Amino acid sequence: MTTLIIGAHGHVGQHIVKQLAATGEQVYAGIRSATQADTITALGGQPRIIDLMGSAEAMVPAMAGVDTVVFSAGSGGSTGDDMTLNIDLDGAIKSMIATEKAGIKRFIIVSALGTDDRTFWDKSGIRPYYVAKYYADQWLRHQTQLDYTIVRPGILTNDAPTGKITLDPANSDLKSISREDVAAVVVAVVQHPQPKQTIEFVTGNVAITDAIH
């Protein structure tokens, strides 16, 4: 199985590349600049340039030979709302369009817990981010024919991974999860498809592979 990670140089993306490559899977890593290639190669991925500011059609060649596309790109907290729209929303949708044009069926997107709850957007302090995530997820659900999985982690941390989650975050005292554990969830979904599913989770007490199974 061959997987393309879009946003492979991001914090979660790098963990996905490393963990997925360690399983023996072939991993293509979508990066925006050739200067990021050495980092990706060291993690076990094969770099491919993908410009999320370009057209969907221009992305298609980078998807050659791919079985599954994972979208883990984000504009980051240091950019403005314009880049949130360009990357987290438009970039995600163009990636979906390109995936279908390439004849690929499986698409996994890293979204965020609370995305469907508009009352939470203002409380979050990063409303544009949640607006972008919401409409990207809606496009995936209703405007594509892709066998999608929407992965929605709680608040991301750089804590050490626990390898355990709960799929019932509403009844958990914990609202966060480490980036490495998010990557492990994505890897589990790649290896054990969950089509037409939205998975919401935070740190818990069930082993990730058992929870996804």
N, C-alpha and C. Protein backbone atom coordinates (compact mmCIF):
# COMPACT_ATOMS: atom_id res chain seq x y z
N MET A 1 0.84 -1.19 0.00
CA MET A 1 0.00 0.00 0.00
C MET A 1 0.88 1.25 0.00
N THR A 2 0.49 2.22 -0.80
CA THR A 2 1.26 3.46 -0.91
C THR A 2 0.41 4.64 -0.47
N THR A 3 0.97 5.46 0.40
CA THR A 3 0.24 6.59 0.96
C THR A 3 0.97 7.88 0.68
N LEU A 4 0.21 8.92 0.34
CA LEU A 4 0.75 10.27 0.16
C LEU A 4 0.29 11.13 1.33
N ILE A 5 1.23 11.72 2.04
CA ILE A 5 0.93 12.62 3.16
C ILE A 5 1.08 14.05 2.66
N ILE A 6 -0.01 14.79 2.57
CA ILE A 6 0.05 16.21 2.21
C ILE A 6 0.22 17.01 3.50
N GLY A 7 1.25 17.84 3.53
CA GLY A 7 1.58 18.53 4.78
C GLY A 7 2.56 17.70 5.60
N ALA A 8 3.39 16.94 4.90
CA ALA A 8 4.28 16.00 5.57
C ALA A 8 5.35 16.66 6.42
N HIS A 9 5.66 17.94 6.15
CA HIS A 9 6.70 18.61 6.92
C HIS A 9 6.15 19.27 8.19
N GLY A 10 4.83 19.22 8.39
CA GLY A 10 4.23 19.79 9.59
C GLY A 10 4.51 18.94 10.81
N HIS A 11 4.11 19.45 11.97
CA HIS A 11 4.42 18.75 13.23
C HIS A 11 3.80 17.35 13.27
N VAL A 12 2.51 17.25 12.95
CA VAL A 12 1.87 15.94 12.93
C VAL A 12 2.33 15.16 11.70
N GLY A 13 2.46 15.85 10.58
CA GLY A 13 2.85 15.19 9.33
C GLY A 13 4.16 14.43 9.44
N GLN A 14 5.15 15.01 10.08
CA GLN A 14 6.44 14.33 10.22
C GLN A 14 6.30 13.04 11.04
N HIS A 15 5.48 13.09 12.08
CA HIS A 15 5.26 11.88 12.88
C HIS A 15 4.55 10.81 12.05
N ILE A 16 3.60 11.22 11.20
CA ILE A 16 2.90 10.25 10.36
C ILE A 16 3.88 9.58 9.41
N VAL A 17 4.72 10.39 8.75
CA VAL A 17 5.69 9.84 7.80
C VAL A 17 6.59 8.82 8.51
N LYS A 18 7.15 9.21 9.63
CA LYS A 18 8.08 8.34 10.36
C LYS A 18 7.41 7.05 10.80
N GLN A 19 6.23 7.16 11.39
CA GLN A 19 5.55 5.97 11.92
C GLN A 19 5.06 5.05 10.80
N LEU A 20 4.55 5.63 9.73
CA LEU A 20 4.03 4.81 8.65
C LEU A 20 5.17 4.13 7.90
N ALA A 21 6.26 4.85 7.68
CA ALA A 21 7.41 4.26 7.02
C ALA A 21 7.99 3.11 7.84
N ALA A 22 7.92 3.23 9.16
CA ALA A 22 8.46 2.19 10.05
C ALA A 22 7.69 0.88 9.94
N THR A 23 6.46 0.94 9.45
CA THR A 23 5.65 -0.28 9.28
C THR A 23 5.99 -1.01 7.99
N GLY A 24 6.82 -0.39 7.15
CA GLY A 24 7.17 -0.98 5.87
C GLY A 24 6.33 -0.48 4.72
N GLU A 25 5.37 0.40 5.01
CA GLU A 25 4.55 0.99 3.95
C GLU A 25 5.40 1.94 3.10
N GLN A 26 5.04 2.09 1.85
CA GLN A 26 5.69 3.09 0.99
C GLN A 26 5.01 4.43 1.23
N VAL A 27 5.78 5.43 1.58
CA VAL A 27 5.23 6.72 1.97
C VAL A 27 5.79 7.82 1.07
N TYR A 28 4.90 8.48 0.35
CA TYR A 28 5.25 9.69 -0.38
C TYR A 28 4.89 10.88 0.51
N ALA A 29 5.75 11.84 0.55
CA ALA A 29 5.58 12.98 1.47
C ALA A 29 5.43 14.26 0.67
N GLY A 30 4.25 14.83 0.71
CA GLY A 30 4.00 16.08 0.01
C GLY A 30 4.57 17.26 0.77
N ILE A 31 5.48 17.97 0.14
CA ILE A 31 6.12 19.14 0.75
C ILE A 31 6.02 20.32 -0.20
N ARG A 32 6.12 21.54 0.35
CA ARG A 32 5.95 22.72 -0.49
C ARG A 32 7.27 23.20 -1.10
N SER A 33 8.38 22.74 -0.55
CA SER A 33 9.68 23.24 -1.00
C SER A 33 10.72 22.13 -0.98
N ALA A 34 11.61 22.14 -1.96
CA ALA A 34 12.68 21.15 -2.01
C ALA A 34 13.63 21.25 -0.82
N THR A 35 13.64 22.39 -0.15
CA THR A 35 14.51 22.55 1.02
C THR A 35 14.07 21.65 2.18
N GLN A 36 12.83 21.13 2.12
CA GLN A 36 12.32 20.25 3.18
C GLN A 36 12.60 18.78 2.90
N ALA A 37 13.17 18.48 1.73
CA ALA A 37 13.31 17.10 1.29
C ALA A 37 14.21 16.27 2.20
N ASP A 38 15.32 16.83 2.66
CA ASP A 38 16.26 16.05 3.48
C ASP A 38 15.60 15.58 4.77
N THR A 39 14.79 16.44 5.37
CA THR A 39 14.09 16.06 6.59
C THR A 39 13.18 14.88 6.34
N ILE A 40 12.44 14.92 5.23
CA ILE A 40 11.51 13.86 4.89
C ILE A 40 12.24 12.55 4.60
N THR A 41 13.33 12.63 3.86
CA THR A 41 14.10 11.43 3.52
C THR A 41 14.63 10.76 4.78
N ALA A 42 15.07 11.56 5.74
CA ALA A 42 15.58 11.02 6.99
C ALA A 42 14.51 10.30 7.79
N LEU A 43 13.25 10.68 7.58
CA LEU A 43 12.13 10.04 8.28
C LEU A 43 11.65 8.78 7.57
N GLY A 44 12.15 8.55 6.37
CA GLY A 44 11.76 7.36 5.63
C GLY A 44 10.77 7.60 4.52
N GLY A 45 10.46 8.87 4.24
CA GLY A 45 9.52 9.19 3.19
C GLY A 45 10.20 9.57 1.89
N GLN A 46 9.43 9.54 0.82
CA GLN A 46 9.92 9.95 -0.50
C GLN A 46 9.26 11.29 -0.85
N PRO A 47 10.02 12.37 -0.92
CA PRO A 47 9.42 13.69 -1.11
C PRO A 47 8.81 13.89 -2.49
N ARG A 48 7.66 14.57 -2.50
CA ARG A 48 7.03 15.02 -3.73
C ARG A 48 6.52 16.45 -3.50
N ILE A 49 6.80 17.33 -4.43
CA ILE A 49 6.40 18.73 -4.27
C ILE A 49 4.90 18.87 -4.56
N ILE A 50 4.20 19.50 -3.62
CA ILE A 50 2.77 19.81 -3.79
C ILE A 50 2.55 21.24 -3.35
N ASP A 51 2.03 22.06 -4.25
CA ASP A 51 1.77 23.47 -3.97
C ASP A 51 0.29 23.66 -3.70
N LEU A 52 -0.07 23.86 -2.44
CA LEU A 52 -1.48 24.02 -2.07
C LEU A 52 -2.03 25.36 -2.51
N MET A 53 -1.18 26.26 -2.96
CA MET A 53 -1.64 27.53 -3.51
C MET A 53 -1.86 27.44 -5.01
N GLY A 54 -1.48 26.32 -5.60
CA GLY A 54 -1.66 26.11 -7.03
C GLY A 54 -3.02 25.48 -7.32
N SER A 55 -3.14 24.94 -8.51
CA SER A 55 -4.41 24.34 -8.93
C SER A 55 -4.49 22.89 -8.52
N ALA A 56 -5.74 22.37 -8.47
CA ALA A 56 -5.94 20.95 -8.19
C ALA A 56 -5.29 20.10 -9.28
N GLU A 57 -5.42 20.55 -10.52
CA GLU A 57 -4.86 19.80 -11.65
C GLU A 57 -3.35 19.62 -11.51
N ALA A 58 -2.68 20.64 -10.99
CA ALA A 58 -1.22 20.58 -10.85
C ALA A 58 -0.79 19.59 -9.77
N MET A 59 -1.70 19.23 -8.87
CA MET A 59 -1.38 18.28 -7.81
C MET A 59 -1.43 16.83 -8.30
N VAL A 60 -2.18 16.58 -9.35
CA VAL A 60 -2.45 15.21 -9.77
C VAL A 60 -1.19 14.40 -10.06
N PRO A 61 -0.18 14.93 -10.76
CA PRO A 61 1.01 14.12 -11.02
C PRO A 61 1.70 13.61 -9.76
N ALA A 62 1.64 14.36 -8.69
CA ALA A 62 2.27 13.93 -7.43
C ALA A 62 1.54 12.78 -6.78
N MET A 63 0.34 12.46 -7.29
CA MET A 63 -0.47 11.38 -6.73
C MET A 63 -0.34 10.08 -7.50
N ALA A 64 0.54 10.03 -8.47
CA ALA A 64 0.73 8.82 -9.27
C ALA A 64 1.18 7.66 -8.38
N GLY A 65 0.52 6.52 -8.55
CA GLY A 65 0.89 5.32 -7.81
C GLY A 65 0.45 5.28 -6.37
N VAL A 66 -0.46 6.18 -5.99
CA VAL A 66 -0.88 6.31 -4.59
C VAL A 66 -2.22 5.61 -4.35
N ASP A 67 -2.34 4.92 -3.22
CA ASP A 67 -3.60 4.26 -2.84
C ASP A 67 -4.43 5.12 -1.89
N THR A 68 -3.77 5.85 -1.01
CA THR A 68 -4.45 6.64 0.02
C THR A 68 -3.80 8.01 0.12
N VAL A 69 -4.62 9.05 0.22
CA VAL A 69 -4.13 10.40 0.46
C VAL A 69 -4.50 10.82 1.88
N VAL A 70 -3.52 11.34 2.61
CA VAL A 70 -3.75 11.89 3.94
C VAL A 70 -3.49 13.39 3.88
N PHE A 71 -4.48 14.18 4.29
CA PHE A 71 -4.29 15.63 4.33
C PHE A 71 -4.05 16.05 5.78
N SER A 72 -2.81 16.48 6.05
CA SER A 72 -2.43 16.91 7.39
C SER A 72 -1.81 18.29 7.36
N ALA A 73 -2.10 19.04 6.30
CA ALA A 73 -1.50 20.38 6.15
C ALA A 73 -2.27 21.41 6.96
N GLY A 74 -1.57 22.45 7.36
CA GLY A 74 -2.19 23.56 8.05
C GLY A 74 -1.34 24.81 7.89
N SER A 75 -1.97 25.95 7.95
CA SER A 75 -1.23 27.20 7.74
C SER A 75 -0.36 27.56 8.94
N GLY A 76 -0.70 27.01 10.11
CA GLY A 76 0.09 27.30 11.30
C GLY A 76 -0.39 28.54 12.03
N GLY A 77 -0.04 28.62 13.31
CA GLY A 77 -0.53 29.70 14.14
C GLY A 77 0.11 31.05 13.88
N SER A 78 1.20 31.08 13.12
CA SER A 78 1.90 32.35 12.91
C SER A 78 1.41 33.10 11.67
N THR A 79 0.48 32.51 10.92
CA THR A 79 -0.03 33.16 9.72
C THR A 79 -1.37 33.82 10.00
N GLY A 80 -1.85 34.61 9.04
CA GLY A 80 -3.13 35.29 9.20
C GLY A 80 -4.30 34.44 8.74
N ASP A 81 -5.49 35.02 8.89
CA ASP A 81 -6.71 34.31 8.51
C ASP A 81 -6.76 34.00 7.02
N ASP A 82 -6.08 34.84 6.21
CA ASP A 82 -6.08 34.58 4.77
C ASP A 82 -5.42 33.26 4.45
N MET A 83 -4.33 32.92 5.13
CA MET A 83 -3.65 31.66 4.86
C MET A 83 -4.42 30.48 5.45
N THR A 84 -5.16 30.72 6.52
CA THR A 84 -6.04 29.66 7.04
C THR A 84 -7.06 29.26 5.98
N LEU A 85 -7.63 30.26 5.31
CA LEU A 85 -8.57 29.98 4.23
C LEU A 85 -7.87 29.30 3.06
N ASN A 86 -6.69 29.78 2.70
CA ASN A 86 -5.98 29.26 1.54
C ASN A 86 -5.49 27.83 1.73
N ILE A 87 -5.05 27.49 2.92
CA ILE A 87 -4.47 26.17 3.17
C ILE A 87 -5.46 25.21 3.80
N ASP A 88 -6.01 25.57 4.96
CA ASP A 88 -6.86 24.66 5.71
C ASP A 88 -8.21 24.41 5.04
N LEU A 89 -8.67 25.37 4.25
CA LEU A 89 -9.94 25.20 3.53
C LEU A 89 -9.72 24.92 2.05
N ASP A 90 -9.23 25.92 1.32
CA ASP A 90 -9.11 25.76 -0.13
C ASP A 90 -8.07 24.69 -0.49
N GLY A 91 -6.98 24.66 0.24
CA GLY A 91 -5.97 23.64 -0.02
C GLY A 91 -6.50 22.24 0.21
N ALA A 92 -7.30 22.09 1.26
CA ALA A 92 -7.90 20.78 1.54
C ALA A 92 -8.85 20.38 0.43
N ILE A 93 -9.71 21.30 0.01
CA ILE A 93 -10.69 20.98 -1.03
C ILE A 93 -10.00 20.67 -2.36
N LYS A 94 -8.99 21.45 -2.71
CA LYS A 94 -8.25 21.16 -3.95
C LYS A 94 -7.58 19.80 -3.88
N SER A 95 -7.13 19.41 -2.71
CA SER A 95 -6.53 18.09 -2.55
C SER A 95 -7.55 16.99 -2.78
N MET A 96 -8.77 17.21 -2.31
CA MET A 96 -9.85 16.24 -2.55
C MET A 96 -10.16 16.13 -4.04
N ILE A 97 -10.26 17.29 -4.69
CA ILE A 97 -10.54 17.30 -6.13
C ILE A 97 -9.44 16.57 -6.89
N ALA A 98 -8.18 16.85 -6.54
CA ALA A 98 -7.05 16.20 -7.20
C ALA A 98 -7.06 14.70 -6.95
N THR A 99 -7.41 14.29 -5.74
CA THR A 99 -7.47 12.87 -5.41
C THR A 99 -8.46 12.15 -6.31
N GLU A 100 -9.62 12.75 -6.51
CA GLU A 100 -10.62 12.14 -7.39
C GLU A 100 -10.14 12.14 -8.85
N LYS A 101 -9.53 13.23 -9.26
CA LYS A 101 -9.02 13.29 -10.64
C LYS A 101 -7.96 12.22 -10.88
N ALA A 102 -7.20 11.88 -9.84
CA ALA A 102 -6.14 10.88 -9.95
C ALA A 102 -6.69 9.45 -9.88
N GLY A 103 -8.00 9.33 -9.62
CA GLY A 103 -8.61 8.01 -9.56
C GLY A 103 -8.40 7.29 -8.23
N ILE A 104 -8.03 8.03 -7.21
CA ILE A 104 -7.80 7.47 -5.87
C ILE A 104 -9.10 7.54 -5.08
N LYS A 105 -9.40 6.50 -4.31
CA LYS A 105 -10.67 6.43 -3.58
C LYS A 105 -10.56 6.84 -2.12
N ARG A 106 -9.41 6.57 -1.50
CA ARG A 106 -9.30 6.76 -0.05
C ARG A 106 -8.67 8.10 0.30
N PHE A 107 -9.32 8.82 1.23
CA PHE A 107 -8.85 10.14 1.65
C PHE A 107 -9.06 10.27 3.14
N ILE A 108 -7.99 10.61 3.84
CA ILE A 108 -8.04 10.82 5.29
C ILE A 108 -7.66 12.27 5.56
N ILE A 109 -8.45 12.95 6.37
CA ILE A 109 -8.14 14.35 6.70
C ILE A 109 -8.01 14.50 8.21
N VAL A 110 -6.99 15.22 8.63
CA VAL A 110 -6.82 15.56 10.04
C VAL A 110 -7.58 16.84 10.30
N SER A 111 -8.65 16.75 11.05
CA SER A 111 -9.51 17.88 11.36
C SER A 111 -9.31 18.25 12.83
N ALA A 112 -10.36 18.61 13.54
CA ALA A 112 -10.22 19.01 14.94
C ALA A 112 -11.51 18.75 15.71
N LEU A 113 -11.37 18.31 16.94
CA LEU A 113 -12.51 18.10 17.82
C LEU A 113 -13.24 19.43 18.05
N GLY A 114 -14.56 19.42 17.96
CA GLY A 114 -15.35 20.63 18.16
C GLY A 114 -15.74 21.33 16.89
N THR A 115 -15.29 20.78 15.75
CA THR A 115 -15.53 21.43 14.47
C THR A 115 -17.00 21.56 14.12
N ASP A 116 -17.81 20.58 14.51
CA ASP A 116 -19.23 20.62 14.18
C ASP A 116 -20.05 21.49 15.12
N ASP A 117 -19.43 22.00 16.18
CA ASP A 117 -20.15 22.76 17.20
C ASP A 117 -19.87 24.25 17.05
N ARG A 118 -20.79 24.95 16.39
CA ARG A 118 -20.57 26.38 16.16
C ARG A 118 -20.45 27.18 17.45
N THR A 119 -21.09 26.75 18.52
CA THR A 119 -21.01 27.48 19.78
C THR A 119 -19.59 27.43 20.35
N PHE A 120 -18.82 26.44 19.91
CA PHE A 120 -17.45 26.29 20.40
C PHE A 120 -16.47 27.18 19.65
N TRP A 121 -16.82 27.55 18.42
CA TRP A 121 -15.86 28.29 17.59
C TRP A 121 -15.38 29.57 18.26
N ASP A 122 -16.30 30.38 18.79
CA ASP A 122 -15.91 31.64 19.43
C ASP A 122 -15.13 31.40 20.72
N LYS A 123 -15.53 30.35 21.44
CA LYS A 123 -14.85 30.04 22.70
C LYS A 123 -13.40 29.62 22.45
N SER A 124 -13.15 29.07 21.30
CA SER A 124 -11.82 28.51 21.00
C SER A 124 -10.74 29.59 20.89
N GLY A 125 -11.13 30.79 20.47
CA GLY A 125 -10.16 31.86 20.24
C GLY A 125 -9.52 31.80 18.87
N ILE A 126 -9.84 30.77 18.09
CA ILE A 126 -9.31 30.62 16.72
C ILE A 126 -10.46 30.26 15.78
N ARG A 127 -11.48 31.11 15.81
CA ARG A 127 -12.70 30.83 15.05
C ARG A 127 -12.44 30.56 13.57
N PRO A 128 -11.61 31.37 12.88
CA PRO A 128 -11.38 31.11 11.44
C PRO A 128 -10.86 29.70 11.16
N TYR A 129 -10.05 29.18 12.06
CA TYR A 129 -9.52 27.82 11.90
C TYR A 129 -10.65 26.81 11.91
N TYR A 130 -11.58 26.94 12.86
CA TYR A 130 -12.68 25.99 12.95
C TYR A 130 -13.68 26.16 11.82
N VAL A 131 -13.87 27.37 11.35
CA VAL A 131 -14.72 27.59 10.18
C VAL A 131 -14.12 26.86 8.97
N ALA A 132 -12.83 27.02 8.77
CA ALA A 132 -12.15 26.35 7.65
C ALA A 132 -12.27 24.84 7.77
N LYS A 133 -12.04 24.31 8.96
CA LYS A 133 -12.12 22.87 9.16
C LYS A 133 -13.53 22.36 8.91
N TYR A 134 -14.51 23.11 9.39
CA TYR A 134 -15.91 22.69 9.24
C TYR A 134 -16.29 22.55 7.76
N TYR A 135 -16.00 23.58 6.98
CA TYR A 135 -16.43 23.54 5.58
C TYR A 135 -15.58 22.58 4.74
N ALA A 136 -14.33 22.38 5.10
CA ALA A 136 -13.54 21.36 4.42
C ALA A 136 -14.13 19.97 4.68
N ASP A 137 -14.49 19.71 5.93
CA ASP A 137 -15.09 18.43 6.27
C ASP A 137 -16.44 18.24 5.56
N GLN A 138 -17.22 19.30 5.51
CA GLN A 138 -18.52 19.21 4.85
C GLN A 138 -18.36 18.92 3.35
N TRP A 139 -17.38 19.55 2.74
CA TRP A 139 -17.13 19.29 1.31
C TRP A 139 -16.77 17.82 1.11
N LEU A 140 -15.91 17.31 1.97
CA LEU A 140 -15.49 15.92 1.87
C LEU A 140 -16.67 14.97 2.01
N ARG A 141 -17.56 15.28 2.94
CA ARG A 141 -18.71 14.42 3.20
C ARG A 141 -19.74 14.46 2.08
N HIS A 142 -19.99 15.66 1.55
CA HIS A 142 -21.17 15.84 0.70
C HIS A 142 -20.87 16.17 -0.76
N GLN A 143 -19.64 16.56 -1.08
CA GLN A 143 -19.33 16.97 -2.44
C GLN A 143 -18.34 16.03 -3.14
N THR A 144 -17.95 14.95 -2.49
CA THR A 144 -17.04 13.99 -3.10
C THR A 144 -17.64 12.59 -3.01
N GLN A 145 -17.05 11.70 -3.78
CA GLN A 145 -17.40 10.28 -3.72
C GLN A 145 -16.28 9.48 -3.05
N LEU A 146 -15.44 10.15 -2.31
CA LEU A 146 -14.28 9.51 -1.69
C LEU A 146 -14.68 8.64 -0.49
N ASP A 147 -13.93 7.57 -0.29
CA ASP A 147 -14.06 6.76 0.92
C ASP A 147 -13.23 7.44 2.01
N TYR A 148 -13.83 8.37 2.69
CA TYR A 148 -13.10 9.26 3.59
C TYR A 148 -13.12 8.77 5.03
N THR A 149 -12.12 9.22 5.77
CA THR A 149 -12.14 9.18 7.23
C THR A 149 -11.71 10.55 7.72
N ILE A 150 -12.53 11.15 8.59
CA ILE A 150 -12.21 12.44 9.21
C ILE A 150 -11.69 12.15 10.61
N VAL A 151 -10.45 12.56 10.86
CA VAL A 151 -9.79 12.30 12.13
C VAL A 151 -9.80 13.59 12.94
N ARG A 152 -10.47 13.56 14.09
CA ARG A 152 -10.65 14.79 14.88
C ARG A 152 -10.06 14.65 16.28
N PRO A 153 -8.81 15.04 16.44
CA PRO A 153 -8.20 15.00 17.77
C PRO A 153 -8.59 16.22 18.61
N GLY A 154 -8.38 16.06 19.92
CA GLY A 154 -8.55 17.19 20.82
C GLY A 154 -7.37 18.16 20.71
N ILE A 155 -7.15 18.95 21.75
CA ILE A 155 -6.08 19.95 21.74
C ILE A 155 -4.72 19.25 21.59
N LEU A 156 -3.93 19.70 20.64
CA LEU A 156 -2.66 19.04 20.35
C LEU A 156 -1.56 19.51 21.30
N THR A 157 -0.77 18.55 21.76
CA THR A 157 0.36 18.85 22.64
C THR A 157 1.62 18.18 22.11
N ASN A 158 2.75 18.56 22.66
CA ASN A 158 4.01 17.90 22.35
C ASN A 158 4.42 16.94 23.47
N ASP A 159 3.45 16.52 24.27
CA ASP A 159 3.72 15.58 25.35
C ASP A 159 4.17 14.23 24.78
N ALA A 160 4.78 13.43 25.62
CA ALA A 160 5.15 12.08 25.22
C ALA A 160 3.89 11.28 24.89
N PRO A 161 3.95 10.43 23.87
CA PRO A 161 2.77 9.65 23.51
C PRO A 161 2.43 8.61 24.57
N THR A 162 1.14 8.33 24.71
CA THR A 162 0.71 7.27 25.63
C THR A 162 0.31 6.01 24.88
N GLY A 163 0.00 6.16 23.57
CA GLY A 163 -0.46 5.02 22.80
C GLY A 163 -1.89 4.63 23.08
N LYS A 164 -2.60 5.49 23.86
CA LYS A 164 -3.97 5.15 24.24
C LYS A 164 -4.90 6.36 24.04
N ILE A 165 -6.14 6.06 23.64
CA ILE A 165 -7.13 7.12 23.38
C ILE A 165 -8.49 6.69 23.91
N THR A 166 -9.42 7.63 23.90
CA THR A 166 -10.83 7.31 24.06
C THR A 166 -11.58 7.91 22.88
N LEU A 167 -12.54 7.17 22.36
CA LEU A 167 -13.37 7.66 21.26
C LEU A 167 -14.64 8.33 21.79
N ASP A 168 -14.64 8.62 23.09
CA ASP A 168 -15.79 9.29 23.73
C ASP A 168 -15.28 10.53 24.46
N PRO A 169 -14.76 11.51 23.70
CA PRO A 169 -14.13 12.67 24.35
C PRO A 169 -15.10 13.51 25.19
N ALA A 170 -16.39 13.47 24.86
CA ALA A 170 -17.35 14.27 25.61
C ALA A 170 -17.43 13.84 27.07
N ASN A 171 -17.13 12.59 27.34
CA ASN A 171 -17.20 12.07 28.71
C ASN A 171 -15.83 11.86 29.32
N SER A 172 -14.84 12.54 28.77
CA SER A 172 -13.49 12.44 29.30
C SER A 172 -13.08 13.74 29.98
N ASP A 173 -12.36 13.61 31.09
CA ASP A 173 -11.84 14.80 31.77
C ASP A 173 -10.68 15.42 30.97
N LEU A 174 -10.01 14.60 30.18
CA LEU A 174 -8.91 15.08 29.36
C LEU A 174 -9.45 15.61 28.03
N LYS A 175 -8.89 16.69 27.54
CA LYS A 175 -9.33 17.27 26.28
C LYS A 175 -8.19 17.40 25.28
N SER A 176 -7.04 16.82 25.61
CA SER A 176 -5.86 16.98 24.76
C SER A 176 -5.33 15.63 24.32
N ILE A 177 -4.35 15.68 23.41
CA ILE A 177 -3.68 14.47 22.95
C ILE A 177 -2.35 14.87 22.31
N SER A 178 -1.36 14.01 22.44
CA SER A 178 -0.05 14.33 21.87
C SER A 178 -0.08 14.18 20.36
N ARG A 179 0.75 14.95 19.70
CA ARG A 179 0.84 14.88 18.23
C ARG A 179 1.30 13.50 17.76
N GLU A 180 2.17 12.87 18.53
CA GLU A 180 2.61 11.53 18.14
C GLU A 180 1.46 10.53 18.19
N ASP A 181 0.57 10.68 19.16
CA ASP A 181 -0.58 9.78 19.24
C ASP A 181 -1.58 10.06 18.12
N VAL A 182 -1.71 11.33 17.72
CA VAL A 182 -2.56 11.65 16.57
C VAL A 182 -2.03 10.94 15.33
N ALA A 183 -0.72 11.00 15.15
CA ALA A 183 -0.10 10.32 14.01
C ALA A 183 -0.37 8.82 14.07
N ALA A 184 -0.29 8.24 15.26
CA ALA A 184 -0.54 6.81 15.41
C ALA A 184 -1.97 6.45 15.04
N VAL A 185 -2.91 7.34 15.35
CA VAL A 185 -4.30 7.11 14.94
C VAL A 185 -4.41 7.12 13.42
N VAL A 186 -3.77 8.09 12.78
CA VAL A 186 -3.81 8.16 11.32
C VAL A 186 -3.21 6.89 10.71
N VAL A 187 -2.09 6.43 11.25
CA VAL A 187 -1.46 5.21 10.74
C VAL A 187 -2.40 4.03 10.90
N ALA A 188 -3.08 3.93 12.03
CA ALA A 188 -4.02 2.83 12.26
C ALA A 188 -5.18 2.88 11.27
N VAL A 189 -5.64 4.09 10.94
CA VAL A 189 -6.72 4.24 9.97
C VAL A 189 -6.25 3.87 8.57
N VAL A 190 -5.02 4.26 8.22
CA VAL A 190 -4.47 3.88 6.92
C VAL A 190 -4.45 2.36 6.78
N GLN A 191 -4.03 1.69 7.83
CA GLN A 191 -3.87 0.24 7.77
C GLN A 191 -5.18 -0.52 7.98
N HIS A 192 -6.14 0.12 8.62
CA HIS A 192 -7.44 -0.52 8.87
C HIS A 192 -8.52 0.48 8.48
N PRO A 193 -8.90 0.50 7.21
CA PRO A 193 -9.79 1.54 6.67
C PRO A 193 -11.10 1.67 7.45
N GLN A 194 -11.51 2.92 7.64
CA GLN A 194 -12.78 3.26 8.29
C GLN A 194 -13.56 4.18 7.36
N PRO A 195 -14.06 3.68 6.23
CA PRO A 195 -14.68 4.56 5.24
C PRO A 195 -15.97 5.19 5.74
N LYS A 196 -16.16 6.46 5.31
CA LYS A 196 -17.35 7.24 5.66
C LYS A 196 -17.50 7.36 7.17
N GLN A 197 -16.39 7.60 7.85
CA GLN A 197 -16.40 7.70 9.30
C GLN A 197 -15.76 9.00 9.77
N THR A 198 -16.25 9.52 10.90
CA THR A 198 -15.61 10.62 11.61
C THR A 198 -15.20 10.10 12.97
N ILE A 199 -13.91 10.19 13.28
CA ILE A 199 -13.37 9.65 14.52
C ILE A 199 -12.92 10.80 15.40
N GLU A 200 -13.56 10.96 16.56
CA GLU A 200 -13.21 12.01 17.51
C GLU A 200 -12.56 11.36 18.72
N PHE A 201 -11.47 11.96 19.22
CA PHE A 201 -10.72 11.28 20.27
C PHE A 201 -9.83 12.24 21.05
N VAL A 202 -9.51 11.83 22.26
CA VAL A 202 -8.51 12.47 23.11
C VAL A 202 -7.74 11.36 23.81
N THR A 203 -6.76 11.73 24.60
CA THR A 203 -6.02 10.74 25.38
C THR A 203 -6.98 9.95 26.26
N GLY A 204 -6.79 8.64 26.28
CA GLY A 204 -7.69 7.79 27.07
C GLY A 204 -6.99 6.57 27.60
N ASN A 205 -7.72 5.45 27.68
CA ASN A 205 -7.14 4.24 28.27
C ASN A 205 -7.27 3.01 27.38
N VAL A 206 -7.60 3.21 26.11
CA VAL A 206 -7.71 2.09 25.17
C VAL A 206 -6.58 2.20 24.15
N ALA A 207 -5.88 1.11 23.91
CA ALA A 207 -4.79 1.10 22.93
C ALA A 207 -5.32 1.58 21.57
N ILE A 208 -4.54 2.39 20.90
CA ILE A 208 -4.99 3.03 19.66
C ILE A 208 -5.45 2.01 18.64
N THR A 209 -4.65 0.96 18.41
CA THR A 209 -5.06 -0.02 17.40
C THR A 209 -6.35 -0.71 17.79
N ASP A 210 -6.54 -1.01 19.07
CA ASP A 210 -7.79 -1.65 19.52
C ASP A 210 -8.97 -0.71 19.32
N ALA A 211 -8.77 0.56 19.64
CA ALA A 211 -9.86 1.54 19.49
C ALA A 211 -10.27 1.68 18.04
N ILE A 212 -9.30 1.76 17.13
CA ILE A 212 -9.61 1.93 15.71
C ILE A 212 -10.25 0.65 15.15
N HIS A 213 -9.77 -0.52 15.56
CA HIS A 213 -10.37 -1.76 15.11
C HIS A 213 -11.84 -1.82 15.52
